[in-house]
Amino acid sequence: MKLSICTDVMGNLPFIEMLDKCVKLGVEGIEMTGGGWSSAPHFHTDERLADKGLLKSKLKEIAVRGLEIAALNCSGNPLDPGALGEKHHREIEQTIRLAGEIGVT
């Protein structure tokens, strides 16, 4: 079993500082949110899908610290009949697609 943490609890920290804090805490796996109810402070799925270079550099920063992505999370309300539902539906689909692309099972 590996100790993992949802990085939203460190949403006030920039990406690199958040990773370094995870290492200091002895965390081995990170769960990052891709949207929905979360502001996705460390891993906006739309940005990662659009910019493969940025995605690669973020994944490298994770790997060089001995961390791994335990999960990508996107909680929301895709059934809302308005714009919120459309937004959450899109972000959930993007998160699932990104998880498949980077091998998160």
C-alpha atoms as a PDB file:
ATOM      1  CA  MET A   1       0.000   0.000   0.000  1.00  0.00           C
ATOM      2  CA  LYS A   2       1.214   3.488  -0.870  1.00  0.00           C
ATOM      3  CA  LEU A   3       0.374   6.681   0.962  1.00  0.00           C
ATOM      4  CA  SER A   4      -1.375   9.097  -1.399  1.00  0.00           C
ATOM      5  CA  ILE A   5      -2.890  12.538  -1.060  1.00  0.00           C
ATOM      6  CA  CYS A   6      -5.353  14.666  -3.012  1.00  0.00           C
ATOM      7  CA  THR A   7      -3.287  17.689  -3.949  1.00  0.00           C
ATOM      8  CA  ASP A   8      -6.258  20.067  -3.696  1.00  0.00           C
ATOM      9  CA  VAL A   9      -5.448  20.373   0.015  1.00  0.00           C
ATOM     10  CA  MET A  10      -2.302  22.210  -1.111  1.00  0.00           C
ATOM     11  CA  GLY A  11      -4.081  24.277  -3.749  1.00  0.00           C
ATOM     12  CA  ASN A  12      -2.451  27.436  -2.444  1.00  0.00           C
ATOM     13  CA  LEU A  13       1.007  26.131  -3.427  1.00  0.00           C
ATOM     14  CA  PRO A  14       2.497  26.263  -6.917  1.00  0.00           C
ATOM     15  CA  PHE A  15       2.906  22.886  -8.628  1.00  0.00           C
ATOM     16  CA  ILE A  16       6.610  22.363  -7.837  1.00  0.00           C
ATOM     17  CA  GLU A  17       6.244  23.428  -4.208  1.00  0.00           C
ATOM     18  CA  MET A  18       3.279  21.085  -3.840  1.00  0.00           C
ATOM     19  CA  LEU A  19       5.343  18.179  -5.189  1.00  0.00           C
ATOM     20  CA  ASP A  20       8.244  18.970  -2.875  1.00  0.00           C
ATOM     21  CA  LYS A  21       5.891  19.140   0.110  1.00  0.00           C
ATOM     22  CA  CYS A  22       4.464  15.729  -0.827  1.00  0.00           C
ATOM     23  CA  VAL A  23       7.996  14.303  -0.770  1.00  0.00           C
ATOM     24  CA  LYS A  24       8.674  15.895   2.634  1.00  0.00           C
ATOM     25  CA  LEU A  25       5.460  14.371   3.962  1.00  0.00           C
ATOM     26  CA  GLY A  26       6.463  10.911   2.763  1.00  0.00           C
ATOM     27  CA  VAL A  27       3.663  10.731   0.233  1.00  0.00           C
ATOM     28  CA  GLU A  28       4.225   8.336  -2.668  1.00  0.00           C
ATOM     29  CA  GLY A  29       1.125   8.879  -4.758  1.00  0.00           C
ATOM     30  CA  ILE A  30      -0.732  12.019  -5.720  1.00  0.00           C
ATOM     31  CA  GLU A  31      -4.339  12.443  -6.712  1.00  0.00           C
ATOM     32  CA  MET A  32      -4.903  15.532  -8.792  1.00  0.00           C
ATOM     33  CA  THR A  33      -8.223  16.979  -9.826  1.00  0.00           C
ATOM     34  CA  GLY A  34      -8.989  17.911 -13.378  1.00  0.00           C
ATOM     35  CA  GLY A  35     -12.002  20.131 -12.876  1.00  0.00           C
ATOM     36  CA  GLY A  36     -15.588  19.809 -11.783  1.00  0.00           C
ATOM     37  CA  TRP A  37     -16.134  21.218  -8.295  1.00  0.00           C
ATOM     38  CA  SER A  38     -12.376  21.695  -7.945  1.00  0.00           C
ATOM     39  CA  SER A  39     -10.500  24.625  -9.407  1.00  0.00           C
ATOM     40  CA  ALA A  40      -7.907  22.028 -10.507  1.00  0.00           C
ATOM     41  CA  PRO A  41      -5.047  24.034  -9.005  1.00  0.00           C
ATOM     42  CA  HIS A  42      -2.289  21.722 -10.249  1.00  0.00           C
ATOM     43  CA  PHE A  43      -3.528  19.795 -13.263  1.00  0.00           C
ATOM     44  CA  HIS A  44      -5.989  21.488 -15.637  1.00  0.00           C
ATOM     45  CA  THR A  45      -6.904  18.690 -18.017  1.00  0.00           C
ATOM     46  CA  ASP A  46      -7.768  20.970 -20.919  1.00  0.00           C
ATOM     47  CA  GLU A  47      -4.295  22.555 -20.754  1.00  0.00           C
ATOM     48  CA  ARG A  48      -2.543  19.180 -20.481  1.00  0.00           C
ATOM     49  CA  LEU A  49      -4.461  17.727 -23.424  1.00  0.00           C
ATOM     50  CA  ALA A  50      -3.754  20.787 -25.568  1.00  0.00           C
ATOM     51  CA  ASP A  51      -0.038  21.082 -24.779  1.00  0.00           C
ATOM     52  CA  LYS A  52       1.814  17.761 -24.816  1.00  0.00           C
ATOM     53  CA  GLY A  53       5.106  19.496 -24.002  1.00  0.00           C
ATOM     54  CA  LEU A  54       3.629  20.971 -20.844  1.00  0.00           C
ATOM     55  CA  LEU A  55       2.138  17.601 -19.945  1.00  0.00           C
ATOM     56  CA  LYS A  56       5.488  15.889 -20.447  1.00  0.00           C
ATOM     57  CA  SER A  57       7.309  18.439 -18.279  1.00  0.00           C
ATOM     58  CA  LYS A  58       4.734  18.098 -15.467  1.00  0.00           C
ATOM     59  CA  LEU A  59       4.967  14.303 -15.577  1.00  0.00           C
ATOM     60  CA  LYS A  60       8.774  14.540 -15.479  1.00  0.00           C
ATOM     61  CA  GLU A  61       8.628  16.770 -12.372  1.00  0.00           C
ATOM     62  CA  ILE A  62       6.445  14.156 -10.699  1.00  0.00           C
ATOM     63  CA  ALA A  63       8.689  11.238 -11.688  1.00  0.00           C
ATOM     64  CA  VAL A  64      12.024  12.806 -10.707  1.00  0.00           C
ATOM     65  CA  ARG A  65      10.707  13.117  -7.164  1.00  0.00           C
ATOM     66  CA  GLY A  66       9.788   9.439  -7.022  1.00  0.00           C
ATOM     67  CA  LEU A  67       6.084  10.244  -6.979  1.00  0.00           C
ATOM     68  CA  GLU A  68       3.375   8.699  -9.106  1.00  0.00           C
ATOM     69  CA  ILE A  69      -0.113   9.742 -10.046  1.00  0.00           C
ATOM     70  CA  ALA A  70      -2.415   7.519  -8.001  1.00  0.00           C
ATOM     71  CA  ALA A  71      -5.568   8.976  -9.542  1.00  0.00           C
ATOM     72  CA  LEU A  72      -7.045  11.813 -11.511  1.00  0.00           C
ATOM     73  CA  ASN A  73     -10.256  13.062  -9.927  1.00  0.00           C
ATOM     74  CA  CYS A  74     -13.071  15.090 -11.404  1.00  0.00           C
ATOM     75  CA  SER A  75     -16.152  15.321  -9.212  1.00  0.00           C
ATOM     76  CA  GLY A  76     -19.036  17.418 -10.401  1.00  0.00           C
ATOM     77  CA  ASN A  77     -22.634  17.458 -11.525  1.00  0.00           C
ATOM     78  CA  PRO A  78     -22.773  16.545 -15.222  1.00  0.00           C
ATOM     79  CA  LEU A  79     -26.553  16.080 -14.983  1.00  0.00           C
ATOM     80  CA  ASP A  80     -27.241  19.742 -14.199  1.00  0.00           C
ATOM     81  CA  PRO A  81     -29.460  20.909 -17.088  1.00  0.00           C
ATOM     82  CA  GLY A  82     -27.586  24.174 -17.604  1.00  0.00           C
ATOM     83  CA  ALA A  83     -24.125  25.470 -18.375  1.00  0.00           C
ATOM     84  CA  LEU A  84     -22.693  23.970 -15.177  1.00  0.00           C
ATOM     85  CA  GLY A  85     -23.707  20.482 -16.275  1.00  0.00           C
ATOM     86  CA  GLU A  86     -22.146  21.001 -19.697  1.00  0.00           C
ATOM     87  CA  LYS A  87     -18.921  22.258 -18.130  1.00  0.00           C
ATOM     88  CA  HIS A  88     -18.690  19.384 -15.651  1.00  0.00           C
ATOM     89  CA  HIS A  89     -19.542  16.803 -18.322  1.00  0.00           C
ATOM     90  CA  ARG A  90     -16.763  18.154 -20.573  1.00  0.00           C
ATOM     91  CA  GLU A  91     -14.217  18.232 -17.733  1.00  0.00           C
ATOM     92  CA  ILE A  92     -15.078  14.693 -16.612  1.00  0.00           C
ATOM     93  CA  GLU A  93     -14.629  13.386 -20.161  1.00  0.00           C
ATOM     94  CA  GLN A  94     -11.321  15.254 -20.507  1.00  0.00           C
ATOM     95  CA  THR A  95     -10.071  13.833 -17.213  1.00  0.00           C
ATOM     96  CA  ILE A  96     -10.920  10.285 -18.278  1.00  0.00           C
ATOM     97  CA  ARG A  97      -9.205  10.819 -21.638  1.00  0.00           C
ATOM     98  CA  LEU A  98      -6.094  12.267 -19.995  1.00  0.00           C
ATOM     99  CA  ALA A  99      -5.935   9.422 -17.480  1.00  0.00           C
ATOM    100  CA  GLY A 100      -5.925   6.965 -20.385  1.00  0.00           C
ATOM    101  CA  GLU A 101      -3.232   8.898 -22.231  1.00  0.00           C
ATOM    102  CA  ILE A 102      -0.854   8.955 -19.281  1.00  0.00           C
ATOM    103  CA  GLY A 103      -1.570   5.416 -18.098  1.00  0.00           C
ATOM    104  CA  VAL A 104      -3.481   6.096 -14.900  1.00  0.00           C
ATOM    105  CA  THR A 105      -5.476   2.984 -14.167  1.00  0.00           C
END
